Amino acid sequence: MIKNTFSILEGVGSRLERRLWQRGILEWQDFIRAPEIAAIGPARKSAFDRKLMDAGSRLARGDSGYFARVLRQKEHWRLYEEFREGAVCLDIETNGWHPAAGGYVTVAGLYDGFDYKAFVRGGNLSASALQKELSRYRYLITFFGSGFDMPFLRDTLGIHFEGAHFDLCFGARRVGMKGGLKKIEPLVGIHRDESVQGVDGYQAVRLWHEAMRGSREAMELLITYNREDTVNLMAMAGVLYGRLKAQTGIEEYLN
């Protein structure tokens, strides 16, 4: 989808992008090869050609940070197909408090489509370890991570992510799915492990405190809960990407 995207060009919105598709200009190379384009003057087209050639080079190098800057954050979903092999899903659990009031991360889960890793406070969770692990990836997938997980990690551990970020919460809303992760999962055919059916964020806080009082069962259940939250994001990303792509109307011109 990113190669069909012309909104990386200044002044190009969804309407002009669709008009380009209607005229058979479906990808960046189509635009560059066209001798002229209606409503875009020669000087402007020349500047756009250069930007699209640069974008092609950046994409070939896997520079997701570049696209994170030139695309509006709500359009980062368009990068999923190109960057999914370098993607990681992230979800955190906390002690229930805001960072300014003593809040801290209890568990940070990462899943890259193959392996799930849990970083646990008091064990392997540290700013350097988590930052190092995140730096291996070029594309971040979360559910409301732009509003909660990443600001919380930044404020408590100084963690940052420079690549593109597909926030499934806002992607789901754009295709008419409202509510939290657990409400949306069944709508896209995702089902949780029976052991954590009904567990929510409030109970995750309670599980942490039970674990700190020595309950091994509580810790295992908390990690299972986080694993389900994290791993399920990858499957949901694929479904939402497909629906968001269909919503643009591009498939009408590709067929």
C-alpha atoms as a PDB file:
ATOM      1  CA  MET A   1       0.000   0.000   0.000  1.00  0.00           C
ATOM      2  CA  ILE A   2       2.832   2.435   0.697  1.00  0.00           C
ATOM      3  CA  LYS A   3       3.852   2.478  -2.983  1.00  0.00           C
ATOM      4  CA  ASN A   4       0.282   3.502  -3.835  1.00  0.00           C
ATOM      5  CA  THR A   5       0.466   6.335  -1.313  1.00  0.00           C
ATOM      6  CA  PHE A   6       0.870   9.886  -2.632  1.00  0.00           C
ATOM      7  CA  SER A   7      -0.051  11.624   0.611  1.00  0.00           C
ATOM      8  CA  ILE A   8       3.670  11.729   1.447  1.00  0.00           C
ATOM      9  CA  LEU A   9       3.732  14.649  -1.011  1.00  0.00           C
ATOM     10  CA  GLU A  10       2.969  18.098   0.388  1.00  0.00           C
ATOM     11  CA  GLY A  11      -0.549  19.210  -0.443  1.00  0.00           C
ATOM     12  CA  VAL A  12      -1.713  15.788  -1.641  1.00  0.00           C
ATOM     13  CA  GLY A  13      -4.701  14.478   0.289  1.00  0.00           C
ATOM     14  CA  SER A  14      -7.019  11.519  -0.121  1.00  0.00           C
ATOM     15  CA  ARG A  15      -9.095  13.178  -2.867  1.00  0.00           C
ATOM     16  CA  LEU A  16      -6.162  13.966  -5.135  1.00  0.00           C
ATOM     17  CA  GLU A  17      -4.645  10.571  -4.374  1.00  0.00           C
ATOM     18  CA  ARG A  18      -7.836   8.868  -5.544  1.00  0.00           C
ATOM     19  CA  ARG A  19      -7.935  11.021  -8.700  1.00  0.00           C
ATOM     20  CA  LEU A  20      -4.407   9.874  -9.483  1.00  0.00           C
ATOM     21  CA  TRP A  21      -5.487   6.249  -9.109  1.00  0.00           C
ATOM     22  CA  GLN A  22      -8.464   6.887 -11.382  1.00  0.00           C
ATOM     23  CA  ARG A  23      -6.055   8.155 -14.057  1.00  0.00           C
ATOM     24  CA  GLY A  24      -3.966   4.994 -13.863  1.00  0.00           C
ATOM     25  CA  ILE A  25      -1.223   6.504 -11.695  1.00  0.00           C
ATOM     26  CA  LEU A  26      -1.239   3.739  -9.108  1.00  0.00           C
ATOM     27  CA  GLU A  27       2.352   3.658  -7.882  1.00  0.00           C
ATOM     28  CA  TRP A  28       5.243   6.069  -7.466  1.00  0.00           C
ATOM     29  CA  GLN A  29       6.894   4.918 -10.694  1.00  0.00           C
ATOM     30  CA  ASP A  30       3.709   5.638 -12.635  1.00  0.00           C
ATOM     31  CA  PHE A  31       3.841   9.209 -11.362  1.00  0.00           C
ATOM     32  CA  ILE A  32       7.534   9.647 -12.150  1.00  0.00           C
ATOM     33  CA  ARG A  33       7.185   8.237 -15.672  1.00  0.00           C
ATOM     34  CA  ALA A  34       4.173  10.401 -16.552  1.00  0.00           C
ATOM     35  CA  PRO A  35       5.337  13.373 -18.707  1.00  0.00           C
ATOM     36  CA  GLU A  36       2.693  15.601 -17.119  1.00  0.00           C
ATOM     37  CA  ILE A  37      -0.163  15.378 -14.656  1.00  0.00           C
ATOM     38  CA  ALA A  38      -3.277  17.537 -14.736  1.00  0.00           C
ATOM     39  CA  ALA A  39      -3.517  20.079 -11.901  1.00  0.00           C
ATOM     40  CA  ILE A  40       0.175  19.643 -11.039  1.00  0.00           C
ATOM     41  CA  GLY A  41       2.474  22.165 -12.699  1.00  0.00           C
ATOM     42  CA  PRO A  42       5.858  21.175 -14.221  1.00  0.00           C
ATOM     43  CA  ALA A  43       7.963  22.643 -11.404  1.00  0.00           C
ATOM     44  CA  ARG A  44       5.831  21.030  -8.715  1.00  0.00           C
ATOM     45  CA  LYS A  45       5.830  17.693 -10.536  1.00  0.00           C
ATOM     46  CA  SER A  46       9.618  17.804 -10.825  1.00  0.00           C
ATOM     47  CA  ALA A  47       9.903  18.360  -7.064  1.00  0.00           C
ATOM     48  CA  PHE A  48       7.422  15.549  -6.436  1.00  0.00           C
ATOM     49  CA  ASP A  49       9.379  13.243  -8.758  1.00  0.00           C
ATOM     50  CA  ARG A  50      12.520  13.810  -6.709  1.00  0.00           C
ATOM     51  CA  LYS A  51      10.702  13.165  -3.464  1.00  0.00           C
ATOM     52  CA  LEU A  52       9.169   9.935  -4.766  1.00  0.00           C
ATOM     53  CA  MET A  53      12.543   8.717  -6.033  1.00  0.00           C
ATOM     54  CA  ASP A  54      14.008   9.442  -2.604  1.00  0.00           C
ATOM     55  CA  ALA A  55      11.084   7.610  -0.970  1.00  0.00           C
ATOM     56  CA  GLY A  56      11.749   4.589  -3.190  1.00  0.00           C
ATOM     57  CA  SER A  57      15.389   4.545  -2.116  1.00  0.00           C
ATOM     58  CA  ARG A  58      14.435   4.902   1.540  1.00  0.00           C
ATOM     59  CA  LEU A  59      11.933   2.069   1.253  1.00  0.00           C
ATOM     60  CA  ALA A  60      14.533  -0.187  -0.367  1.00  0.00           C
ATOM     61  CA  ARG A  61      16.836   0.514   2.603  1.00  0.00           C
ATOM     62  CA  GLY A  62      14.078  -0.236   5.100  1.00  0.00           C
ATOM     63  CA  ASP A  63      14.156   3.293   6.511  1.00  0.00           C
ATOM     64  CA  SER A  64      10.855   3.250   8.398  1.00  0.00           C
ATOM     65  CA  GLY A  65      11.925   6.301  10.398  1.00  0.00           C
ATOM     66  CA  TYR A  66      11.743   8.380   7.225  1.00  0.00           C
ATOM     67  CA  PHE A  67       8.152   7.326   6.579  1.00  0.00           C
ATOM     68  CA  ALA A  68       7.291   7.888  10.243  1.00  0.00           C
ATOM     69  CA  ARG A  69       8.222  11.531   9.629  1.00  0.00           C
ATOM     70  CA  VAL A  70       6.605  12.123   6.221  1.00  0.00           C
ATOM     71  CA  LEU A  71       3.349  10.233   6.881  1.00  0.00           C
ATOM     72  CA  ARG A  72       0.761  11.352   9.382  1.00  0.00           C
ATOM     73  CA  GLN A  73       0.744   8.898  12.268  1.00  0.00           C
ATOM     74  CA  LYS A  74      -2.769   7.721  11.493  1.00  0.00           C
ATOM     75  CA  GLU A  75      -1.497   6.604   8.065  1.00  0.00           C
ATOM     76  CA  HIS A  76       1.372   4.463   9.372  1.00  0.00           C
ATOM     77  CA  TRP A  77      -0.833   1.411   8.791  1.00  0.00           C
ATOM     78  CA  ARG A  78       0.026   1.787   5.078  1.00  0.00           C
ATOM     79  CA  LEU A  79       3.545   0.525   5.842  1.00  0.00           C
ATOM     80  CA  TYR A  80       2.425  -2.788   7.342  1.00  0.00           C
ATOM     81  CA  GLU A  81       2.863  -4.949   4.243  1.00  0.00           C
ATOM     82  CA  GLU A  82       6.373  -3.666   3.529  1.00  0.00           C
ATOM     83  CA  PHE A  83       7.589  -3.728   7.129  1.00  0.00           C
ATOM     84  CA  ARG A  84       5.757  -6.623   8.777  1.00  0.00           C
ATOM     85  CA  GLU A  85       8.883  -8.820   8.708  1.00  0.00           C
ATOM     86  CA  GLY A  86      10.635  -6.186  10.801  1.00  0.00           C
ATOM     87  CA  ALA A  87       7.637  -5.546  13.050  1.00  0.00           C
ATOM     88  CA  VAL A  88       7.223  -6.063  16.772  1.00  0.00           C
ATOM     89  CA  CYS A  89       4.070  -5.985  18.882  1.00  0.00           C
ATOM     90  CA  LEU A  90       4.288  -4.361  22.301  1.00  0.00           C
ATOM     91  CA  ASP A  91       2.035  -4.293  25.333  1.00  0.00           C
ATOM     92  CA  ILE A  92       2.811  -3.275  28.899  1.00  0.00           C
ATOM     93  CA  GLU A  93       1.315  -3.876  32.331  1.00  0.00           C
ATOM     94  CA  THR A  94       1.743  -1.386  35.163  1.00  0.00           C
ATOM     95  CA  ASN A  95       1.167  -1.082  38.906  1.00  0.00           C
ATOM     96  CA  GLY A  96      -1.939   0.999  38.210  1.00  0.00           C
ATOM     97  CA  TRP A  97      -0.503   4.427  38.989  1.00  0.00           C
ATOM     98  CA  HIS A  98       0.369   7.340  36.731  1.00  0.00           C
ATOM     99  CA  PRO A  99       4.158   7.861  36.302  1.00  0.00           C
ATOM    100  CA  ALA A 100       3.985  11.159  38.198  1.00  0.00           C
ATOM    101  CA  ALA A 101       2.337   9.380  41.130  1.00  0.00           C
ATOM    102  CA  GLY A 102       4.805   6.520  41.386  1.00  0.00           C
ATOM    103  CA  GLY A 103       3.620   4.401  38.488  1.00  0.00           C
ATOM    104  CA  TYR A 104       5.992   1.876  36.968  1.00  0.00           C
ATOM    105  CA  VAL A 105       6.007  -0.896  34.370  1.00  0.00           C
ATOM    106  CA  THR A 106       5.569  -4.375  35.799  1.00  0.00           C
ATOM    107  CA  VAL A 107       5.701  -6.389  32.560  1.00  0.00           C
ATOM    108  CA  ALA A 108       6.615  -5.363  29.018  1.00  0.00           C
ATOM    109  CA  GLY A 109       5.801  -7.949  26.370  1.00  0.00           C
ATOM    110  CA  LEU A 110       7.231  -8.070  22.840  1.00  0.00           C
ATOM    111  CA  TYR A 111       6.215 -10.403  20.011  1.00  0.00           C
ATOM    112  CA  ASP A 112       7.746 -10.423  16.514  1.00  0.00           C
ATOM    113  CA  GLY A 113       5.548 -13.062  14.919  1.00  0.00           C
ATOM    114  CA  PHE A 114       7.774 -15.904  16.109  1.00  0.00           C
ATOM    115  CA  ASP A 115       8.880 -15.332  19.680  1.00  0.00           C
ATOM    116  CA  TYR A 116       7.277 -13.694  22.708  1.00  0.00           C
ATOM    117  CA  LYS A 117       9.570 -12.075  25.269  1.00  0.00           C
ATOM    118  CA  ALA A 118       8.470 -10.840  28.675  1.00  0.00           C
ATOM    119  CA  PHE A 119      10.534  -8.197  30.471  1.00  0.00           C
ATOM    120  CA  VAL A 120       9.572  -8.291  34.156  1.00  0.00           C
ATOM    121  CA  ARG A 121      10.308  -5.712  36.842  1.00  0.00           C
ATOM    122  CA  GLY A 122      12.787  -7.020  39.367  1.00  0.00           C
ATOM    123  CA  GLY A 123      14.151  -9.477  36.792  1.00  0.00           C
ATOM    124  CA  ASN A 124      15.193  -8.775  33.211  1.00  0.00           C
ATOM    125  CA  LEU A 125      13.368  -5.457  32.790  1.00  0.00           C
ATOM    126  CA  SER A 126      15.673  -2.462  32.510  1.00  0.00           C
ATOM    127  CA  ALA A 127      15.714   0.627  30.317  1.00  0.00           C
ATOM    128  CA  SER A 128      18.816  -0.533  28.465  1.00  0.00           C
ATOM    129  CA  ALA A 129      17.581  -4.095  27.887  1.00  0.00           C
ATOM    130  CA  LEU A 130      14.169  -3.026  26.604  1.00  0.00           C
ATOM    131  CA  GLN A 131      15.590  -0.226  24.447  1.00  0.00           C
ATOM    132  CA  LYS A 132      18.130  -2.595  22.942  1.00  0.00           C
ATOM    133  CA  GLU A 133      15.424  -5.125  22.094  1.00  0.00           C
ATOM    134  CA  LEU A 134      13.144  -2.497  20.542  1.00  0.00           C
ATOM    135  CA  SER A 135      15.998  -1.121  18.434  1.00  0.00           C
ATOM    136  CA  ARG A 136      16.107  -4.449  16.537  1.00  0.00           C
ATOM    137  CA  TYR A 137      12.786  -3.620  14.875  1.00  0.00           C
ATOM    138  CA  ARG A 138      11.588  -1.082  12.323  1.00  0.00           C
ATOM    139  CA  TYR A 139       7.822  -1.155  12.834  1.00  0.00           C
ATOM    140  CA  LEU A 140       5.840  -1.036  16.064  1.00  0.00           C
ATOM    141  CA  ILE A 141       2.347  -2.465  16.543  1.00  0.00           C
ATOM    142  CA  THR A 142       0.297  -1.604  19.633  1.00  0.00           C
ATOM    143  CA  PHE A 143      -3.273  -1.090  20.776  1.00  0.00           C
ATOM    144  CA  PHE A 144      -3.550   2.503  22.019  1.00  0.00           C
ATOM    145  CA  GLY A 145       0.212   2.479  22.438  1.00  0.00           C
ATOM    146  CA  SER A 146       0.538   6.031  21.146  1.00  0.00           C
ATOM    147  CA  GLY A 147      -1.759   7.184  23.938  1.00  0.00           C
ATOM    148  CA  PHE A 148      -0.590   4.947  26.784  1.00  0.00           C
ATOM    149  CA  ASP A 149       2.211   2.385  26.387  1.00  0.00           C
ATOM    150  CA  MET A 150       4.851   4.527  24.675  1.00  0.00           C
ATOM    151  CA  PRO A 151       4.274   7.700  26.768  1.00  0.00           C
ATOM    152  CA  PHE A 152       4.376   5.541  29.913  1.00  0.00           C
ATOM    153  CA  LEU A 153       7.624   3.881  28.814  1.00  0.00           C
ATOM    154  CA  ARG A 154       9.106   7.253  27.924  1.00  0.00           C
ATOM    155  CA  ASP A 155       8.190   8.834  31.249  1.00  0.00           C
ATOM    156  CA  THR A 156       9.288   5.913  33.445  1.00  0.00           C
ATOM    157  CA  LEU A 157      12.216   4.385  31.565  1.00  0.00           C
ATOM    158  CA  GLY A 158      13.190   6.914  28.891  1.00  0.00           C
ATOM    159  CA  ILE A 159      12.248   4.418  26.150  1.00  0.00           C
ATOM    160  CA  HIS A 160      11.658   5.691  22.615  1.00  0.00           C
ATOM    161  CA  PHE A 161      10.977   4.195  19.205  1.00  0.00           C
ATOM    162  CA  GLU A 162      12.077   5.977  16.026  1.00  0.00           C
ATOM    163  CA  GLY A 163      10.297   3.816  13.450  1.00  0.00           C
ATOM    164  CA  ALA A 164       6.711   3.833  12.215  1.00  0.00           C
ATOM    165  CA  HIS A 165       3.921   2.910  14.620  1.00  0.00           C
ATOM    166  CA  PHE A 166       0.662   1.160  13.672  1.00  0.00           C
ATOM    167  CA  ASP A 167      -1.742   1.871  16.535  1.00  0.00           C
ATOM    168  CA  LEU A 168      -4.540  -0.659  16.061  1.00  0.00           C
ATOM    169  CA  CYS A 169      -6.930   1.221  18.339  1.00  0.00           C
ATOM    170  CA  PHE A 170      -7.295   4.071  15.867  1.00  0.00           C
ATOM    171  CA  GLY A 171      -7.170   1.762  12.868  1.00  0.00           C
ATOM    172  CA  ALA A 172     -10.080  -0.209  14.314  1.00  0.00           C
ATOM    173  CA  ARG A 173     -12.130   2.936  14.843  1.00  0.00           C
ATOM    174  CA  ARG A 174     -11.635   3.932  11.217  1.00  0.00           C
ATOM    175  CA  VAL A 175     -13.236   0.701  10.044  1.00  0.00           C
ATOM    176  CA  GLY A 176     -16.134   0.969  12.493  1.00  0.00           C
ATOM    177  CA  MET A 177     -14.854  -1.185  15.383  1.00  0.00           C
ATOM    178  CA  LYS A 178     -15.161   0.582  18.714  1.00  0.00           C
ATOM    179  CA  GLY A 179     -14.104  -0.515  22.164  1.00  0.00           C
ATOM    180  CA  GLY A 180     -11.045  -2.058  23.745  1.00  0.00           C
ATOM    181  CA  LEU A 181      -8.812  -4.851  22.542  1.00  0.00           C
ATOM    182  CA  LYS A 182     -10.822  -7.623  24.210  1.00  0.00           C
ATOM    183  CA  LYS A 183     -14.076  -6.390  22.711  1.00  0.00           C
ATOM    184  CA  ILE A 184     -12.640  -6.234  19.191  1.00  0.00           C
ATOM    185  CA  GLU A 185     -10.743  -9.550  19.221  1.00  0.00           C
ATOM    186  CA  PRO A 186     -13.843 -11.781  18.758  1.00  0.00           C
ATOM    187  CA  LEU A 187     -15.010  -9.552  15.900  1.00  0.00           C
ATOM    188  CA  VAL A 188     -11.911 -10.548  13.912  1.00  0.00           C
ATOM    189  CA  GLY A 189     -11.853 -14.208  14.975  1.00  0.00           C
ATOM    190  CA  ILE A 190      -9.289 -13.969  17.771  1.00  0.00           C
ATOM    191  CA  HIS A 191      -9.861 -15.987  20.960  1.00  0.00           C
ATOM    192  CA  ARG A 192      -7.903 -15.921  24.199  1.00  0.00           C
ATOM    193  CA  ASP A 193      -6.437 -18.700  26.301  1.00  0.00           C
ATOM    194  CA  GLU A 194      -9.082 -19.963  28.719  1.00  0.00           C
ATOM    195  CA  SER A 195      -6.842 -19.272  31.697  1.00  0.00           C
ATOM    196  CA  VAL A 196      -7.115 -15.506  31.164  1.00  0.00           C
ATOM    197  CA  GLN A 197     -10.702 -15.257  29.951  1.00  0.00           C
ATOM    198  CA  GLY A 198     -12.203 -12.308  31.807  1.00  0.00           C
ATOM    199  CA  VAL A 199      -8.887 -10.944  33.101  1.00  0.00           C
ATOM    200  CA  ASP A 200      -8.580  -7.198  32.510  1.00  0.00           C
ATOM    201  CA  GLY A 201      -6.166  -4.374  33.301  1.00  0.00           C
ATOM    202  CA  TYR A 202      -7.513  -3.907  36.819  1.00  0.00           C
ATOM    203  CA  GLN A 203      -6.990  -7.582  37.610  1.00  0.00           C
ATOM    204  CA  ALA A 204      -3.510  -7.438  36.054  1.00  0.00           C
ATOM    205  CA  VAL A 205      -2.596  -4.857  38.705  1.00  0.00           C
ATOM    206  CA  ARG A 206      -3.987  -7.148  41.398  1.00  0.00           C
ATOM    207  CA  LEU A 207      -2.028 -10.097  39.996  1.00  0.00           C
ATOM    208  CA  TRP A 208       1.183  -8.081  40.201  1.00  0.00           C
ATOM    209  CA  HIS A 209       0.646  -7.266  43.867  1.00  0.00           C
ATOM    210  CA  GLU A 210      -0.154 -10.906  44.603  1.00  0.00           C
ATOM    211  CA  ALA A 211       3.039 -11.912  42.805  1.00  0.00           C
ATOM    212  CA  MET A 212       5.013  -9.452  44.936  1.00  0.00           C
ATOM    213  CA  ARG A 213       3.602 -11.181  48.003  1.00  0.00           C
ATOM    214  CA  GLY A 214       5.075 -14.438  46.730  1.00  0.00           C
ATOM    215  CA  SER A 215       2.377 -15.952  44.526  1.00  0.00           C
ATOM    216  CA  ARG A 216       4.050 -17.809  41.684  1.00  0.00           C
ATOM    217  CA  GLU A 217       0.646 -18.601  40.200  1.00  0.00           C
ATOM    218  CA  ALA A 218      -0.233 -14.906  40.025  1.00  0.00           C
ATOM    219  CA  MET A 219       3.013 -14.111  38.212  1.00  0.00           C
ATOM    220  CA  GLU A 220       2.485 -16.890  35.693  1.00  0.00           C
ATOM    221  CA  LEU A 221      -1.077 -15.734  35.055  1.00  0.00           C
ATOM    222  CA  LEU A 222       0.047 -12.122  34.642  1.00  0.00           C
ATOM    223  CA  ILE A 223       2.627 -13.118  32.036  1.00  0.00           C
ATOM    224  CA  THR A 224       0.069 -15.312  30.243  1.00  0.00           C
ATOM    225  CA  TYR A 225      -2.325 -12.352  30.194  1.00  0.00           C
ATOM    226  CA  ASN A 226       0.357 -10.070  28.766  1.00  0.00           C
ATOM    227  CA  ARG A 227       1.353 -12.686  26.194  1.00  0.00           C
ATOM    228  CA  GLU A 228      -2.240 -12.922  24.964  1.00  0.00           C
ATOM    229  CA  ASP A 229      -2.474  -9.116  24.739  1.00  0.00           C
ATOM    230  CA  THR A 230       0.792  -8.899  22.838  1.00  0.00           C
ATOM    231  CA  VAL A 231       0.627 -11.918  20.515  1.00  0.00           C
ATOM    232  CA  ASN A 232      -2.948 -11.190  19.440  1.00  0.00           C
ATOM    233  CA  LEU A 233      -1.888  -7.797  18.109  1.00  0.00           C
ATOM    234  CA  MET A 234      -0.063  -9.381  15.171  1.00  0.00           C
ATOM    235  CA  ALA A 235      -3.126 -11.251  13.922  1.00  0.00           C
ATOM    236  CA  MET A 236      -5.306  -8.191  14.417  1.00  0.00           C
ATOM    237  CA  ALA A 237      -2.851  -6.001  12.506  1.00  0.00           C
ATOM    238  CA  GLY A 238      -3.183  -8.177   9.412  1.00  0.00           C
ATOM    239  CA  VAL A 239      -6.977  -8.049   9.531  1.00  0.00           C
ATOM    240  CA  LEU A 240      -7.154  -4.291  10.092  1.00  0.00           C
ATOM    241  CA  TYR A 241      -4.580  -3.603   7.399  1.00  0.00           C
ATOM    242  CA  GLY A 242      -6.730  -5.472   4.890  1.00  0.00           C
ATOM    243  CA  ARG A 243      -9.862  -3.563   5.891  1.00  0.00           C
ATOM    244  CA  LEU A 244      -8.142  -0.188   5.910  1.00  0.00           C
ATOM    245  CA  LYS A 245      -6.672  -0.856   2.472  1.00  0.00           C
ATOM    246  CA  ALA A 246     -10.074  -1.848   1.100  1.00  0.00           C
ATOM    247  CA  GLN A 247     -11.547   1.326   2.591  1.00  0.00           C
ATOM    248  CA  THR A 248      -9.234   3.510   0.468  1.00  0.00           C
ATOM    249  CA  GLY A 249     -10.731   2.094  -2.739  1.00  0.00           C
ATOM    250  CA  ILE A 250      -7.333   1.245  -4.270  1.00  0.00           C
ATOM    251  CA  GLU A 251      -8.337  -2.361  -4.962  1.00  0.00           C
ATOM    252  CA  GLU A 252     -10.939  -1.144  -7.475  1.00  0.00           C
ATOM    253  CA  TYR A 253      -8.089   0.137  -9.651  1.00  0.00           C
ATOM    254  CA  LEU A 254      -5.634  -2.710  -9.068  1.00  0.00           C
ATOM    255  CA  ASN A 255      -8.027  -5.419 -10.318  1.00  0.00           C
END
